[in-house]
Amino acid sequence: MLPILLGDEMSDIQYCYITEQYYIDNPTLIKILDIADSSKHNIRTHICLNIQFKNNSVLIPLRKNLGETNRKYGKIGFPIPSQSKPKAGLDYRYIMIINNVNYVRFDTPKISNSQIKIIENNYETIEKEAIEYIESYIRVANKGRVDRTARFRESSLINFHKELNIVDANNNVRYNNEKK
């Protein structure tokens, strides 16, 4: 779990950026944001949820054009609009799990005060929805049905099967979408 200290108090809400070194050290990542444009890796704001989910640190990316968060196949994010980015939101499909603090840079968020206020006022809902998304993904992945499930077909969680202890229907541990 990544430690979060803001001033003299511990906070559940953290803003962070994934370092470029993480992507260099993990070149086999698939289904991630900005896969074709590495210049964006170091500048995309993530909301770091200081939660214990199977002892993993969960990072949710903020996108400027999330679109509709409630799709016919389920909820994929949480709207965080601003005046200049009315379609912005947190995208659960591209959650990253990074437990090494050396790969994460904590910094002042490069987002509007109105977006910070929305996150603060809705943090418990965001946390609950993110955990529900991960738990649902695990159930689907354990059945070997990620590619056939619209809600998870593009999920970056496919890179974190080891961290999530995902086991398919034949009790084969699946790491990064491959049986081992």
Protein backbone atom coordinates (compact mmCIF):
# COMPACT_ATOMS: atom_id res chain seq x y z
CA MET A 1 0.00 0.00 0.00
CA LEU A 2 1.31 3.42 -0.88
CA PRO A 3 1.60 5.69 2.17
CA ILE A 4 -0.21 9.00 1.91
CA LEU A 5 0.62 11.92 4.12
CA LEU A 6 -0.87 15.33 3.46
CA GLY A 7 0.42 17.87 5.94
CA ASP A 8 0.09 16.27 9.35
CA GLU A 9 -2.86 14.06 8.46
CA MET A 10 -3.32 10.81 6.62
CA SER A 11 -5.72 11.17 3.71
CA ASP A 12 -7.65 8.63 1.67
CA ILE A 13 -7.64 10.91 -1.36
CA GLN A 14 -4.35 11.25 -3.16
CA TYR A 15 -3.41 12.56 -6.54
CA CYS A 16 -0.53 10.93 -8.30
CA TYR A 17 1.21 10.34 -11.57
CA ILE A 18 2.69 7.08 -12.77
CA THR A 19 6.34 7.56 -13.62
CA GLU A 20 7.68 6.85 -17.08
CA GLN A 21 10.03 4.29 -15.49
CA TYR A 22 7.03 2.09 -14.64
CA TYR A 23 6.15 1.78 -18.32
CA ILE A 24 9.81 1.20 -19.26
CA ASP A 25 10.07 -1.58 -16.67
CA ASN A 26 6.74 -3.12 -17.75
CA PRO A 27 6.84 -3.11 -21.57
CA THR A 28 4.29 -5.94 -21.96
CA LEU A 29 1.35 -3.95 -20.58
CA ILE A 30 -1.72 -4.13 -22.80
CA LYS A 31 -5.06 -2.34 -22.82
CA ILE A 32 -3.76 0.72 -21.00
CA LEU A 33 -4.42 4.39 -21.65
CA ASP A 34 -1.99 6.23 -23.91
CA ILE A 35 -0.35 3.00 -25.07
CA ALA A 36 0.68 4.65 -28.35
CA ASP A 37 1.76 7.97 -26.81
CA SER A 38 4.32 7.50 -24.06
CA SER A 39 4.67 11.28 -23.65
CA LYS A 40 1.33 11.22 -21.78
CA HIS A 41 2.34 8.49 -19.32
CA ASN A 42 4.07 10.86 -16.94
CA ILE A 43 1.39 13.58 -16.98
CA ARG A 44 -1.98 11.81 -16.61
CA THR A 45 -3.56 12.48 -13.21
CA HIS A 46 -4.58 9.37 -11.29
CA ILE A 47 -6.64 9.25 -8.14
CA CYS A 48 -4.88 6.94 -5.71
CA LEU A 49 -7.35 5.22 -3.46
CA ASN A 50 -5.74 4.45 -0.15
CA ILE A 51 -7.69 1.22 0.23
CA GLN A 52 -6.66 -2.27 1.18
CA PHE A 53 -7.90 -4.34 -1.72
CA LYS A 54 -6.03 -7.62 -1.44
CA ASN A 55 -3.07 -5.50 -0.23
CA ASN A 56 -2.93 -3.58 -3.50
CA SER A 57 -2.82 0.14 -4.25
CA VAL A 58 -5.51 1.08 -6.73
CA LEU A 59 -4.99 4.00 -9.15
CA ILE A 60 -7.92 5.30 -11.19
CA PRO A 61 -7.15 7.53 -14.18
CA LEU A 62 -8.95 10.79 -14.76
CA ARG A 63 -9.89 11.21 -18.41
CA LYS A 64 -10.98 14.43 -20.07
CA ASN A 65 -13.53 12.67 -22.31
CA LEU A 66 -14.99 9.71 -20.45
CA GLY A 67 -18.39 9.92 -22.07
CA GLU A 68 -21.39 8.12 -20.60
CA THR A 69 -20.47 6.37 -17.33
CA ASN A 70 -23.52 4.10 -17.24
CA ARG A 71 -23.41 1.85 -20.25
CA LYS A 72 -25.97 -0.83 -21.11
CA TYR A 73 -23.51 -3.44 -19.80
CA GLY A 74 -22.70 -1.67 -16.51
CA LYS A 75 -21.00 1.27 -14.84
CA ILE A 76 -17.50 2.04 -16.16
CA GLY A 77 -16.63 5.26 -14.35
CA PHE A 78 -17.61 8.30 -12.35
CA PRO A 79 -18.24 11.75 -13.90
CA ILE A 80 -15.89 14.53 -12.74
CA PRO A 81 -16.86 17.41 -15.06
CA SER A 82 -15.35 20.86 -15.05
CA GLN A 83 -16.27 23.98 -16.95
CA SER A 84 -13.57 23.37 -19.57
CA LYS A 85 -13.92 19.54 -19.58
CA PRO A 86 -17.64 18.73 -19.22
CA LYS A 87 -17.18 15.04 -20.15
CA ALA A 88 -14.27 14.33 -17.78
CA GLY A 89 -14.41 11.43 -15.37
CA LEU A 90 -12.66 8.62 -13.56
CA ASP A 91 -12.43 5.52 -15.75
CA TYR A 92 -12.61 2.21 -13.88
CA ARG A 93 -11.78 0.28 -17.05
CA TYR A 94 -8.21 1.58 -16.90
CA ILE A 95 -7.50 1.04 -13.20
CA MET A 96 -3.84 0.35 -12.52
CA ILE A 97 -2.47 -1.58 -9.55
CA ILE A 98 0.98 -0.37 -8.58
CA ASN A 99 2.38 -1.37 -5.22
CA ASN A 100 5.91 -0.01 -5.62
CA VAL A 101 6.01 3.60 -4.40
CA ASN A 102 9.04 4.24 -6.64
CA TYR A 103 6.75 4.09 -9.68
CA VAL A 104 4.33 6.72 -8.38
CA ARG A 105 4.91 10.46 -8.04
CA PHE A 106 2.62 12.29 -5.63
CA ASP A 107 2.05 15.86 -6.65
CA THR A 108 -0.42 18.69 -6.64
CA PRO A 109 -3.19 17.63 -9.02
CA LYS A 110 -3.39 19.42 -12.34
CA ILE A 111 -7.17 19.53 -12.18
CA SER A 112 -9.68 22.24 -11.35
CA ASN A 113 -10.86 23.03 -7.83
CA SER A 114 -14.39 22.06 -8.88
CA GLN A 115 -13.15 18.58 -9.85
CA ILE A 116 -11.28 18.23 -6.55
CA LYS A 117 -14.50 19.17 -4.73
CA ILE A 118 -16.51 16.55 -6.68
CA ILE A 119 -13.96 13.87 -5.78
CA GLU A 120 -13.94 14.89 -2.10
CA ASN A 121 -17.74 14.95 -1.91
CA ASN A 122 -18.14 11.59 -3.65
CA TYR A 123 -15.08 9.70 -2.45
CA GLU A 124 -17.00 6.93 -0.66
CA THR A 125 -19.13 6.28 -3.75
CA ILE A 126 -16.06 6.26 -6.01
CA GLU A 127 -14.28 3.84 -3.68
CA LYS A 128 -17.32 1.53 -3.51
CA GLU A 129 -17.80 1.55 -7.28
CA ALA A 130 -14.10 0.93 -7.99
CA ILE A 131 -14.05 -2.05 -5.61
CA GLU A 132 -17.26 -3.40 -7.18
CA TYR A 133 -15.68 -3.08 -10.63
CA ILE A 134 -12.56 -4.98 -9.52
CA GLU A 135 -14.54 -7.70 -7.72
CA SER A 136 -16.80 -8.16 -10.76
CA TYR A 137 -13.75 -8.34 -13.02
CA ILE A 138 -12.22 -11.04 -10.80
CA ARG A 139 -15.43 -13.13 -10.98
CA VAL A 140 -15.55 -12.84 -14.77
CA ALA A 141 -11.80 -13.50 -15.18
CA ASN A 142 -11.95 -16.57 -12.94
CA LYS A 143 -14.54 -17.96 -15.37
CA GLY A 144 -12.26 -17.12 -18.31
CA ARG A 145 -14.88 -14.78 -19.82
CA VAL A 146 -13.14 -11.38 -19.90
CA ASP A 147 -12.94 -11.24 -23.70
CA ARG A 148 -16.65 -12.11 -23.96
CA THR A 149 -17.86 -9.55 -21.42
CA ALA A 150 -18.36 -6.03 -22.81
CA ARG A 151 -17.76 -4.29 -19.48
CA PHE A 152 -14.30 -5.83 -19.10
CA ARG A 153 -13.14 -6.48 -22.66
CA GLU A 154 -10.89 -3.38 -22.64
CA SER A 155 -9.95 -3.47 -18.95
CA SER A 156 -6.34 -2.83 -18.01
CA LEU A 157 -6.87 -5.19 -15.06
CA ILE A 158 -5.82 -7.92 -17.49
CA ASN A 159 -2.26 -6.85 -16.60
CA PHE A 160 -2.76 -7.48 -12.88
CA HIS A 161 -4.01 -11.06 -12.59
CA LYS A 162 -1.11 -12.01 -10.35
CA GLU A 163 -1.82 -9.16 -7.93
CA LEU A 164 -5.52 -10.10 -7.90
CA ASN A 165 -4.87 -13.86 -7.52
CA ILE A 166 -7.07 -14.63 -10.50
CA VAL A 167 -7.60 -18.32 -11.14
CA ASP A 168 -9.61 -19.56 -14.14
CA ALA A 169 -12.40 -22.18 -14.09
CA ASN A 170 -9.82 -25.02 -14.31
CA ASN A 171 -7.94 -23.71 -11.24
CA ASN A 172 -5.06 -22.52 -13.41
CA VAL A 173 -3.51 -19.33 -12.11
CA ARG A 174 -3.70 -16.76 -14.89
CA TYR A 175 -0.98 -14.15 -15.01
CA ASN A 176 -1.45 -11.27 -17.41
CA ASN A 177 -3.97 -13.26 -19.44
CA GLU A 178 -1.71 -16.29 -19.89
CA LYS A 179 -1.94 -19.64 -18.13
CA LYS A 180 1.10 -20.68 -16.12
